[in-house]
PDB file of N, CA and C in Angstrom:
ATOM      1  N   MET A   1     102.706  75.537 118.376  1.00  0.00           N
ATOM      2  CA  MET A   1     103.184  75.920 119.689  1.00  0.00           C
ATOM      3  C   MET A   1     103.625  77.374 119.651  1.00  0.00           C
ATOM      4  N   ARG A   2     103.414  78.043 120.748  1.00  0.00           N
ATOM      5  CA  ARG A   2     103.820  79.440 120.892  1.00  0.00           C
ATOM      6  C   ARG A   2     104.696  79.545 122.135  1.00  0.00           C
ATOM      7  N   TYR A   3     105.934  79.975 121.930  1.00  0.00           N
ATOM      8  CA  TYR A   3     106.867  80.157 123.037  1.00  0.00           C
ATOM      9  C   TYR A   3     107.141  81.647 123.152  1.00  0.00           C
ATOM     10  N   GLU A   4     106.687  82.254 124.226  1.00  0.00           N
ATOM     11  CA  GLU A   4     106.849  83.692 124.396  1.00  0.00           C
ATOM     12  C   GLU A   4     107.753  83.980 125.590  1.00  0.00           C
ATOM     13  N   GLY A   5     108.887  84.657 125.300  1.00  0.00           N
ATOM     14  CA  GLY A   5     109.832  85.013 126.350  1.00  0.00           C
ATOM     15  C   GLY A   5     110.530  83.814 126.975  1.00  0.00           C
ATOM     16  N   THR A   6     110.573  82.698 126.275  1.00  0.00           N
ATOM     17  CA  THR A   6     111.157  81.470 126.810  1.00  0.00           C
ATOM     18  C   THR A   6     112.672  81.483 126.651  1.00  0.00           C
ATOM     19  N   ASP A   7     113.383  81.058 127.675  1.00  0.00           N
ATOM     20  CA  ASP A   7     114.838  80.983 127.652  1.00  0.00           C
ATOM     21  C   ASP A   7     115.256  79.565 127.263  1.00  0.00           C
ATOM     22  N   PHE A   8     115.758  79.435 126.042  1.00  0.00           N
ATOM     23  CA  PHE A   8     116.238  78.139 125.547  1.00  0.00           C
ATOM     24  C   PHE A   8     117.754  78.074 125.567  1.00  0.00           C
ATOM     25  N   THR A   9     118.397  78.793 126.468  1.00  0.00           N
ATOM     26  CA  THR A   9     119.850  78.795 126.568  1.00  0.00           C
ATOM     27  C   THR A   9     120.360  77.376 126.792  1.00  0.00           C
ATOM     28  N   GLY A  10     121.267  76.959 125.905  1.00  0.00           N
ATOM     29  CA  GLY A  10     121.873  75.631 126.028  1.00  0.00           C
ATOM     30  C   GLY A  10     120.945  74.474 125.694  1.00  0.00           C
ATOM     31  N   ALA A  11     119.783  74.756 125.141  1.00  0.00           N
ATOM     32  CA  ALA A  11     118.807  73.698 124.827  1.00  0.00           C
ATOM     33  C   ALA A  11     119.343  72.747 123.756  1.00  0.00           C
ATOM     34  N   HIS A  12     118.914  71.507 123.833  1.00  0.00           N
ATOM     35  CA  HIS A  12     119.261  70.487 122.835  1.00  0.00           C
ATOM     36  C   HIS A  12     117.971  70.018 122.171  1.00  0.00           C
ATOM     37  N   ALA A  13     117.832  70.354 120.877  1.00  0.00           N
ATOM     38  CA  ALA A  13     116.652  69.936 120.112  1.00  0.00           C
ATOM     39  C   ALA A  13     117.103  69.419 118.750  1.00  0.00           C
ATOM     40  N   GLU A  14     118.210  68.695 118.768  1.00  0.00           N
ATOM     41  CA  GLU A  14     118.754  68.158 117.530  1.00  0.00           C
ATOM     42  C   GLU A  14     117.759  67.213 116.872  1.00  0.00           C
ATOM     43  N   GLY A  15     117.527  67.421 115.557  1.00  0.00           N
ATOM     44  CA  GLY A  15     116.672  66.518 114.804  1.00  0.00           C
ATOM     45  C   GLY A  15     115.178  66.660 115.048  1.00  0.00           C
ATOM     46  N   HIS A  16     114.761  67.616 115.845  1.00  0.00           N
ATOM     47  CA  HIS A  16     113.337  67.796 116.130  1.00  0.00           C
ATOM     48  C   HIS A  16     112.647  68.576 115.010  1.00  0.00           C
ATOM     49  N   THR A  17     111.346  68.384 114.881  1.00  0.00           N
ATOM     50  CA  THR A  17     110.545  69.085 113.889  1.00  0.00           C
ATOM     51  C   THR A  17     109.636  70.083 114.586  1.00  0.00           C
ATOM     52  N   PHE A  18     109.642  71.323 114.082  1.00  0.00           N
ATOM     53  CA  PHE A  18     108.824  72.400 114.624  1.00  0.00           C
ATOM     54  C   PHE A  18     107.892  72.876 113.516  1.00  0.00           C
ATOM     55  N   LEU A  19     106.619  72.554 113.627  1.00  0.00           N
ATOM     56  CA  LEU A  19     105.634  72.940 112.624  1.00  0.00           C
ATOM     57  C   LEU A  19     104.741  74.038 113.185  1.00  0.00           C
ATOM     58  N   GLU A  20     104.615  75.121 112.446  1.00  0.00           N
ATOM     59  CA  GLU A  20     103.768  76.239 112.845  1.00  0.00           C
ATOM     60  C   GLU A  20     104.073  76.723 114.263  1.00  0.00           C
ATOM     61  N   CYS A  21     105.355  76.881 114.576  1.00  0.00           N
ATOM     62  CA  CYS A  21     105.775  77.336 115.901  1.00  0.00           C
ATOM     63  C   CYS A  21     106.142  78.812 115.872  1.00  0.00           C
ATOM     64  N   SER A  22     105.918  79.478 116.993  1.00  0.00           N
ATOM     65  CA  SER A  22     106.287  80.881 117.153  1.00  0.00           C
ATOM     66  C   SER A  22     107.231  81.010 118.336  1.00  0.00           C
ATOM     67  N   LEU A  23     108.402  81.599 118.078  1.00  0.00           N
ATOM     68  CA  LEU A  23     109.333  81.957 119.151  1.00  0.00           C
ATOM     69  C   LEU A  23     109.271  83.470 119.243  1.00  0.00           C
ATOM     70  N   LEU A  24     108.775  83.982 120.358  1.00  0.00           N
ATOM     71  CA  LEU A  24     108.577  85.416 120.515  1.00  0.00           C
ATOM     72  C   LEU A  24     109.354  85.938 121.719  1.00  0.00           C
ATOM     73  N   GLY A  25     110.366  86.772 121.432  1.00  0.00           N
ATOM     74  CA  GLY A  25     111.109  87.427 122.499  1.00  0.00           C
ATOM     75  C   GLY A  25     111.908  86.507 123.395  1.00  0.00           C
ATOM     76  N   GLY A  26     112.290  85.370 122.916  1.00  0.00           N
ATOM     77  CA  GLY A  26     113.043  84.414 123.736  1.00  0.00           C
ATOM     78  C   GLY A  26     114.541  84.513 123.543  1.00  0.00           C
ATOM     79  N   THR A  27     115.254  83.566 124.159  1.00  0.00           N
ATOM     80  CA  THR A  27     116.706  83.512 124.088  1.00  0.00           C
ATOM     81  C   THR A  27     117.146  82.136 123.600  1.00  0.00           C
ATOM     82  N   LEU A  28     118.094  82.139 122.646  1.00  0.00           N
ATOM     83  CA  LEU A  28     118.600  80.883 122.081  1.00  0.00           C
ATOM     84  C   LEU A  28     120.121  80.761 122.222  1.00  0.00           C
ATOM     85  N   ASP A  29     120.705  81.362 123.247  1.00  0.00           N
ATOM     86  CA  ASP A  29     122.155  81.291 123.423  1.00  0.00           C
ATOM     87  C   ASP A  29     122.620  79.838 123.507  1.00  0.00           C
ATOM     88  N   GLU A  30     123.624  79.512 122.647  1.00  0.00           N
ATOM     89  CA  GLU A  30     124.224  78.166 122.609  1.00  0.00           C
ATOM     90  C   GLU A  30     123.185  77.059 122.422  1.00  0.00           C
ATOM     91  N   ALA A  31     122.089  77.345 121.739  1.00  0.00           N
ATOM     92  CA  ALA A  31     121.058  76.328 121.464  1.00  0.00           C
ATOM     93  C   ALA A  31     121.532  75.393 120.359  1.00  0.00           C
ATOM     94  N   HIS A  32     121.315  74.110 120.544  1.00  0.00           N
ATOM     95  CA  HIS A  32     121.723  73.080 119.592  1.00  0.00           C
ATOM     96  C   HIS A  32     120.496  72.612 118.810  1.00  0.00           C
ATOM     97  N   LEU A  33     120.378  73.125 117.583  1.00  0.00           N
ATOM     98  CA  LEU A  33     119.227  72.818 116.738  1.00  0.00           C
ATOM     99  C   LEU A  33     119.676  72.088 115.470  1.00  0.00           C
ATOM    100  N   GLU A  34     120.776  71.376 115.559  1.00  0.00           N
ATOM    101  CA  GLU A  34     121.322  70.675 114.407  1.00  0.00           C
ATOM    102  C   GLU A  34     120.309  69.694 113.828  1.00  0.00           C
ATOM    103  N   GLY A  35     120.148  69.737 112.507  1.00  0.00           N
ATOM    104  CA  GLY A  35     119.257  68.800 111.838  1.00  0.00           C
ATOM    105  C   GLY A  35     117.784  69.000 112.140  1.00  0.00           C
ATOM    106  N   SER A  36     117.434  70.104 112.804  1.00  0.00           N
ATOM    107  CA  SER A  36     116.024  70.355 113.112  1.00  0.00           C
ATOM    108  C   SER A  36     115.300  70.846 111.863  1.00  0.00           C
ATOM    109  N   ARG A  37     113.985  70.767 111.895  1.00  0.00           N
ATOM    110  CA  ARG A  37     113.171  71.218 110.765  1.00  0.00           C
ATOM    111  C   ARG A  37     112.171  72.250 111.265  1.00  0.00           C
ATOM    112  N   TRP A  38     112.164  73.418 110.626  1.00  0.00           N
ATOM    113  CA  TRP A  38     111.261  74.510 110.958  1.00  0.00           C
ATOM    114  C   TRP A  38     110.384  74.762 109.748  1.00  0.00           C
ATOM    115  N   SER A  39     109.091  74.580 109.877  1.00  0.00           N
ATOM    116  CA  SER A  39     108.181  74.781 108.758  1.00  0.00           C
ATOM    117  C   SER A  39     107.012  75.663 109.184  1.00  0.00           C
ATOM    118  N   GLU A  40     106.726  76.681 108.374  1.00  0.00           N
ATOM    119  CA  GLU A  40     105.646  77.617 108.645  1.00  0.00           C
ATOM    120  C   GLU A  40     105.758  78.199 110.056  1.00  0.00           C
ATOM    121  N   SER A  41     106.975  78.588 110.403  1.00  0.00           N
ATOM    122  CA  SER A  41     107.256  79.091 111.751  1.00  0.00           C
ATOM    123  C   SER A  41     107.697  80.543 111.706  1.00  0.00           C
ATOM    124  N   GLU A  42     107.763  81.156 112.889  1.00  0.00           N
ATOM    125  CA  GLU A  42     108.234  82.536 112.981  1.00  0.00           C
ATOM    126  C   GLU A  42     109.100  82.706 114.226  1.00  0.00           C
ATOM    127  N   TRP A  43     110.155  83.501 114.054  1.00  0.00           N
ATOM    128  CA  TRP A  43     110.984  83.925 115.168  1.00  0.00           C
ATOM    129  C   TRP A  43     110.869  85.443 115.205  1.00  0.00           C
ATOM    130  N   GLN A  44     110.452  86.005 116.327  1.00  0.00           N
ATOM    131  CA  GLN A  44     110.343  87.454 116.468  1.00  0.00           C
ATOM    132  C   GLN A  44     111.060  87.906 117.736  1.00  0.00           C
ATOM    133  N   ARG A  45     111.933  88.913 117.563  1.00  0.00           N
ATOM    134  CA  ARG A  45     112.667  89.510 118.681  1.00  0.00           C
ATOM    135  C   ARG A  45     113.432  88.475 119.499  1.00  0.00           C
ATOM    136  N   VAL A  46     113.920  87.444 118.851  1.00  0.00           N
ATOM    137  CA  VAL A  46     114.702  86.409 119.522  1.00  0.00           C
ATOM    138  C   VAL A  46     116.161  86.856 119.578  1.00  0.00           C
ATOM    139  N   ALA A  47     116.828  86.602 120.696  1.00  0.00           N
ATOM    140  CA  ALA A  47     118.252  86.903 120.838  1.00  0.00           C
ATOM    141  C   ALA A  47     118.994  85.582 120.993  1.00  0.00           C
ATOM    142  N   GLY A  48     120.164  85.498 120.358  1.00  0.00           N
ATOM    143  CA  GLY A  48     120.922  84.257 120.493  1.00  0.00           C
ATOM    144  C   GLY A  48     122.354  84.403 120.036  1.00  0.00           C
ATOM    145  N   VAL A  49     123.268  83.884 120.842  1.00  0.00           N
ATOM    146  CA  VAL A  49     124.684  83.843 120.503  1.00  0.00           C
ATOM    147  C   VAL A  49     125.092  82.378 120.460  1.00  0.00           C
ATOM    148  N   GLY A  50     125.733  81.985 119.370  1.00  0.00           N
ATOM    149  CA  GLY A  50     126.204  80.614 119.257  1.00  0.00           C
ATOM    150  C   GLY A  50     125.113  79.616 118.930  1.00  0.00           C
ATOM    151  N   VAL A  51     124.103  80.044 118.184  1.00  0.00           N
ATOM    152  CA  VAL A  51     123.006  79.156 117.783  1.00  0.00           C
ATOM    153  C   VAL A  51     123.515  78.208 116.695  1.00  0.00           C
ATOM    154  N   SER A  52     123.237  76.929 116.836  1.00  0.00           N
ATOM    155  CA  SER A  52     123.665  75.948 115.834  1.00  0.00           C
ATOM    156  C   SER A  52     122.466  75.421 115.055  1.00  0.00           C
ATOM    157  N   LEU A  53     122.432  75.782 113.770  1.00  0.00           N
ATOM    158  CA  LEU A  53     121.410  75.299 112.846  1.00  0.00           C
ATOM    159  C   LEU A  53     122.072  74.443 111.756  1.00  0.00           C
ATOM    160  N   VAL A  54     123.128  73.756 112.119  1.00  0.00           N
ATOM    161  CA  VAL A  54     123.869  72.932 111.172  1.00  0.00           C
ATOM    162  C   VAL A  54     122.947  71.871 110.578  1.00  0.00           C
ATOM    163  N   GLU A  55     122.910  71.822 109.243  1.00  0.00           N
ATOM    164  CA  GLU A  55     122.103  70.863 108.489  1.00  0.00           C
ATOM    165  C   GLU A  55     120.625  70.904 108.856  1.00  0.00           C
ATOM    166  N   ALA A  56     120.162  72.063 109.343  1.00  0.00           N
ATOM    167  CA  ALA A  56     118.742  72.254 109.658  1.00  0.00           C
ATOM    168  C   ALA A  56     117.983  72.624 108.384  1.00  0.00           C
ATOM    169  N   SER A  57     116.674  72.579 108.464  1.00  0.00           N
ATOM    170  CA  SER A  57     115.815  72.941 107.334  1.00  0.00           C
ATOM    171  C   SER A  57     114.823  73.997 107.787  1.00  0.00           C
ATOM    172  N   LEU A  58     114.807  75.126 107.080  1.00  0.00           N
ATOM    173  CA  LEU A  58     113.841  76.191 107.353  1.00  0.00           C
ATOM    174  C   LEU A  58     112.992  76.364 106.106  1.00  0.00           C
ATOM    175  N   VAL A  59     111.692  76.147 106.226  1.00  0.00           N
ATOM    176  CA  VAL A  59     110.769  76.240 105.100  1.00  0.00           C
ATOM    177  C   VAL A  59     109.616  77.150 105.500  1.00  0.00           C
ATOM    178  N   GLU A  60     109.324  78.131 104.655  1.00  0.00           N
ATOM    179  CA  GLU A  60     108.241  79.077 104.912  1.00  0.00           C
ATOM    180  C   GLU A  60     108.314  79.625 106.339  1.00  0.00           C
ATOM    181  N   THR A  61     109.489  80.165 106.662  1.00  0.00           N
ATOM    182  CA  THR A  61     109.761  80.667 108.010  1.00  0.00           C
ATOM    183  C   THR A  61     110.159  82.132 107.947  1.00  0.00           C
ATOM    184  N   THR A  62     109.761  82.899 108.963  1.00  0.00           N
ATOM    185  CA  THR A  62     110.089  84.317 109.061  1.00  0.00           C
ATOM    186  C   THR A  62     110.914  84.547 110.322  1.00  0.00           C
ATOM    187  N   VAL A  63     112.016  85.282 110.153  1.00  0.00           N
ATOM    188  CA  VAL A  63     112.877  85.669 111.275  1.00  0.00           C
ATOM    189  C   VAL A  63     112.838  87.195 111.299  1.00  0.00           C
ATOM    190  N   GLU A  64     112.217  87.777 112.327  1.00  0.00           N
ATOM    191  CA  GLU A  64     111.978  89.217 112.311  1.00  0.00           C
ATOM    192  C   GLU A  64     112.441  89.885 113.604  1.00  0.00           C
ATOM    193  N   GLY A  65     113.247  90.949 113.443  1.00  0.00           N
ATOM    194  CA  GLY A  65     113.679  91.755 114.585  1.00  0.00           C
ATOM    195  C   GLY A  65     114.565  91.006 115.560  1.00  0.00           C
ATOM    196  N   CYS A  66     115.269  89.998 115.089  1.00  0.00           N
ATOM    197  CA  CYS A  66     116.111  89.172 115.973  1.00  0.00           C
ATOM    198  C   CYS A  66     117.531  89.729 116.041  1.00  0.00           C
ATOM    199  N   ARG A  67     118.216  89.424 117.136  1.00  0.00           N
ATOM    200  CA  ARG A  67     119.633  89.774 117.304  1.00  0.00           C
ATOM    201  C   ARG A  67     120.377  88.465 117.511  1.00  0.00           C
ATOM    202  N   LEU A  68     121.014  88.015 116.426  1.00  0.00           N
ATOM    203  CA  LEU A  68     121.696  86.721 116.442  1.00  0.00           C
ATOM    204  C   LEU A  68     123.175  86.912 116.120  1.00  0.00           C
ATOM    205  N   ALA A  69     124.039  86.125 116.765  1.00  0.00           N
ATOM    206  CA  ALA A  69     125.475  86.213 116.521  1.00  0.00           C
ATOM    207  C   ALA A  69     126.084  84.820 116.541  1.00  0.00           C
ATOM    208  N   ALA A  70     127.115  84.654 115.727  1.00  0.00           N
ATOM    209  CA  ALA A  70     127.846  83.384 115.640  1.00  0.00           C
ATOM    210  C   ALA A  70     126.893  82.219 115.367  1.00  0.00           C
ATOM    211  N   VAL A  71     126.087  82.374 114.319  1.00  0.00           N
ATOM    212  CA  VAL A  71     125.115  81.347 113.945  1.00  0.00           C
ATOM    213  C   VAL A  71     125.759  80.381 112.960  1.00  0.00           C
ATOM    214  N   SER A  72     125.823  79.113 113.313  1.00  0.00           N
ATOM    215  CA  SER A  72     126.346  78.077 112.424  1.00  0.00           C
ATOM    216  C   SER A  72     125.170  77.431 111.711  1.00  0.00           C
ATOM    217  N   ALA A  73     125.064  77.700 110.411  1.00  0.00           N
ATOM    218  CA  ALA A  73     123.974  77.125 109.621  1.00  0.00           C
ATOM    219  C   ALA A  73     124.531  76.446 108.368  1.00  0.00           C
ATOM    220  N   TRP A  74     125.766  75.982 108.465  1.00  0.00           N
ATOM    221  CA  TRP A  74     126.364  75.354 107.289  1.00  0.00           C
ATOM    222  C   TRP A  74     125.644  74.049 106.953  1.00  0.00           C
ATOM    223  N   GLY A  75     125.522  73.801 105.661  1.00  0.00           N
ATOM    224  CA  GLY A  75     124.854  72.586 105.206  1.00  0.00           C
ATOM    225  C   GLY A  75     123.351  72.597 105.388  1.00  0.00           C
ATOM    226  N   SER A  76     122.795  73.740 105.754  1.00  0.00           N
ATOM    227  CA  SER A  76     121.348  73.813 105.988  1.00  0.00           C
ATOM    228  C   SER A  76     120.607  74.071 104.672  1.00  0.00           C
ATOM    229  N   THR A  77     119.293  73.931 104.732  1.00  0.00           N
ATOM    230  CA  THR A  77     118.436  74.194 103.581  1.00  0.00           C
ATOM    231  C   THR A  77     117.402  75.228 103.977  1.00  0.00           C
ATOM    232  N   TRP A  78     117.337  76.330 103.224  1.00  0.00           N
ATOM    233  CA  TRP A  78     116.381  77.391 103.498  1.00  0.00           C
ATOM    234  C   TRP A  78     115.531  77.587 102.251  1.00  0.00           C
ATOM    235  N   ARG A  79     114.218  77.507 102.391  1.00  0.00           N
ATOM    236  CA  ARG A  79     113.306  77.729 101.268  1.00  0.00           C
ATOM    237  C   ARG A  79     112.154  78.610 101.738  1.00  0.00           C
ATOM    238  N   ASP A  80     111.886  79.667 100.976  1.00  0.00           N
ATOM    239  CA  ASP A  80     110.821  80.617 101.309  1.00  0.00           C
ATOM    240  C   ASP A  80     111.011  81.185 102.726  1.00  0.00           C
ATOM    241  N   VAL A  81     112.199  81.712 102.970  1.00  0.00           N
ATOM    242  CA  VAL A  81     112.544  82.285 104.282  1.00  0.00           C
ATOM    243  C   VAL A  81     112.745  83.788 104.124  1.00  0.00           C
ATOM    244  N   THR A  82     112.220  84.554 105.074  1.00  0.00           N
ATOM    245  CA  THR A  82     112.440  86.002 105.110  1.00  0.00           C
ATOM    246  C   THR A  82     113.080  86.364 106.438  1.00  0.00           C
ATOM    247  N   VAL A  83     114.233  87.035 106.361  1.00  0.00           N
ATOM    248  CA  VAL A  83     114.903  87.565 107.543  1.00  0.00           C
ATOM    249  C   VAL A  83     114.736  89.075 107.449  1.00  0.00           C
ATOM    250  N   ARG A  84     113.971  89.644 108.375  1.00  0.00           N
ATOM    251  CA  ARG A  84     113.609  91.061 108.293  1.00  0.00           C
ATOM    252  C   ARG A  84     114.035  91.791 109.563  1.00  0.00           C
ATOM    253  N   GLY A  85     114.712  92.940 109.352  1.00  0.00           N
ATOM    254  CA  GLY A  85     115.123  93.764 110.486  1.00  0.00           C
ATOM    255  C   GLY A  85     116.116  93.026 111.378  1.00  0.00           C
ATOM    256  N   GLY A  86     116.447  93.614 112.464  1.00  0.00           N
ATOM    257  CA  GLY A  86     117.345  92.973 113.423  1.00  0.00           C
ATOM    258  C   GLY A  86     118.791  92.969 112.957  1.00  0.00           C
ATOM    259  N   LYS A  87     119.573  92.117 113.591  1.00  0.00           N
ATOM    260  CA  LYS A  87     121.000  92.065 113.323  1.00  0.00           C
ATOM    261  C   LYS A  87     121.467  90.613 113.351  1.00  0.00           C
ATOM    262  N   VAL A  88     122.269  90.262 112.364  1.00  0.00           N
ATOM    263  CA  VAL A  88     122.833  88.922 112.307  1.00  0.00           C
ATOM    264  C   VAL A  88     124.345  89.070 112.105  1.00  0.00           C
ATOM    265  N   ASP A  89     125.129  88.670 113.093  1.00  0.00           N
ATOM    266  CA  ASP A  89     126.597  88.735 113.018  1.00  0.00           C
ATOM    267  C   ASP A  89     127.168  87.335 112.837  1.00  0.00           C
ATOM    268  N   PHE A  90     128.142  87.221 111.953  1.00  0.00           N
ATOM    269  CA  PHE A  90     128.883  85.972 111.763  1.00  0.00           C
ATOM    270  C   PHE A  90     127.972  84.785 111.464  1.00  0.00           C
ATOM    271  N   LEU A  91     127.174  84.921 110.414  1.00  0.00           N
ATOM    272  CA  LEU A  91     126.290  83.844 109.955  1.00  0.00           C
ATOM    273  C   LEU A  91     127.070  82.950 109.003  1.00  0.00           C
ATOM    274  N   ASN A  92     127.221  81.682 109.335  1.00  0.00           N
ATOM    275  CA  ASN A  92     127.953  80.730 108.498  1.00  0.00           C
ATOM    276  C   ASN A  92     126.961  79.900 107.692  1.00  0.00           C
ATOM    277  N   LEU A  93     126.840  80.225 106.403  1.00  0.00           N
ATOM    278  CA  LEU A  93     125.954  79.492 105.496  1.00  0.00           C
ATOM    279  C   LEU A  93     126.757  78.657 104.489  1.00  0.00           C
ATOM    280  N   ARG A  94     127.975  78.299 104.834  1.00  0.00           N
ATOM    281  CA  ARG A  94     128.824  77.528 103.924  1.00  0.00           C
ATOM    282  C   ARG A  94     128.130  76.225 103.526  1.00  0.00           C
ATOM    283  N   GLY A  95     128.002  76.015 102.227  1.00  0.00           N
ATOM    284  CA  GLY A  95     127.405  74.785 101.724  1.00  0.00           C
ATOM    285  C   GLY A  95     125.898  74.707 101.889  1.00  0.00           C
ATOM    286  N   ALA A  96     125.276  75.808 102.342  1.00  0.00           N
ATOM    287  CA  ALA A  96     123.820  75.817 102.527  1.00  0.00           C
ATOM    288  C   ALA A  96     123.125  75.962 101.173  1.00  0.00           C
ATOM    289  N   ARG A  97     121.917  75.467 101.094  1.00  0.00           N
ATOM    290  CA  ARG A  97     121.094  75.597  99.892  1.00  0.00           C
ATOM    291  C   ARG A  97     119.965  76.569 100.203  1.00  0.00           C
ATOM    292  N   LEU A  98     119.952  77.705  99.495  1.00  0.00           N
ATOM    293  CA  LEU A  98     118.942  78.730  99.726  1.00  0.00           C
ATOM    294  C   LEU A  98     118.111  78.932  98.460  1.00  0.00           C
ATOM    295  N   LYS A  99     116.790  78.951  98.629  1.00  0.00           N
ATOM    296  CA  LYS A  99     115.880  79.202  97.513  1.00  0.00           C
ATOM    297  C   LYS A  99     114.777  80.133  98.002  1.00  0.00           C
ATOM    298  N   ASP A 100     114.589  81.226  97.290  1.00  0.00           N
ATOM    299  CA  ASP A 100     113.580  82.230  97.642  1.00  0.00           C
ATOM    300  C   ASP A 100     113.778  82.726  99.080  1.00  0.00           C
ATOM    301  N   VAL A 101     115.010  83.150  99.367  1.00  0.00           N
ATOM    302  CA  VAL A 101     115.365  83.685 100.684  1.00  0.00           C
ATOM    303  C   VAL A 101     115.624  85.174 100.546  1.00  0.00           C
ATOM    304  N   ALA A 102     115.058  85.966 101.449  1.00  0.00           N
ATOM    305  CA  ALA A 102     115.246  87.421 101.414  1.00  0.00           C
ATOM    306  C   ALA A 102     115.759  87.926 102.758  1.00  0.00           C
ATOM    307  N   PHE A 103     116.797  88.769 102.699  1.00  0.00           N
ATOM    308  CA  PHE A 103     117.298  89.476 103.874  1.00  0.00           C
ATOM    309  C   PHE A 103     116.884  90.934 103.658  1.00  0.00           C
ATOM    310  N   VAL A 104     115.951  91.434 104.485  1.00  0.00           N
ATOM    311  CA  VAL A 104     115.378  92.755 104.300  1.00  0.00           C
ATOM    312  C   VAL A 104     115.699  93.640 105.502  1.00  0.00           C
ATOM    313  N   ASP A 105     116.341  94.795 105.241  1.00  0.00           N
ATOM    314  CA  ASP A 105     116.664  95.769 106.288  1.00  0.00           C
ATOM    315  C   ASP A 105     117.380  95.143 107.473  1.00  0.00           C
ATOM    316  N   CYS A 106     118.358  94.299 107.195  1.00  0.00           N
ATOM    317  CA  CYS A 106     119.147  93.644 108.245  1.00  0.00           C
ATOM    318  C   CYS A 106     120.502  94.315 108.370  1.00  0.00           C
ATOM    319  N   VAL A 107     121.094  94.199 109.541  1.00  0.00           N
ATOM    320  CA  VAL A 107     122.460  94.650 109.774  1.00  0.00           C
ATOM    321  C   VAL A 107     123.306  93.407 109.916  1.00  0.00           C
TER     322      VAL A 107
END
């Protein structure tokens, strides 16, 4: 699936699986993605405040040029993830499991 410029403000997608999905230039303000699974996906130029990725799983996913703030990702699992460019404020990764994760040129 390809979501371009889509506004997911306040969306509830708890426990959903996203395979080979692209989020391009959308908004994720207060999005509830708890327990969701992202595999072989990409987020580009996404903006979001208060995004909840609690106990979510990100595998082979790229986050590029995004502006994210107050992201709750505690207890999540990240494997083969690249966060490139953009800005991430107040990222909570407490208790998260990260393997082969790179933060490149991020603020």
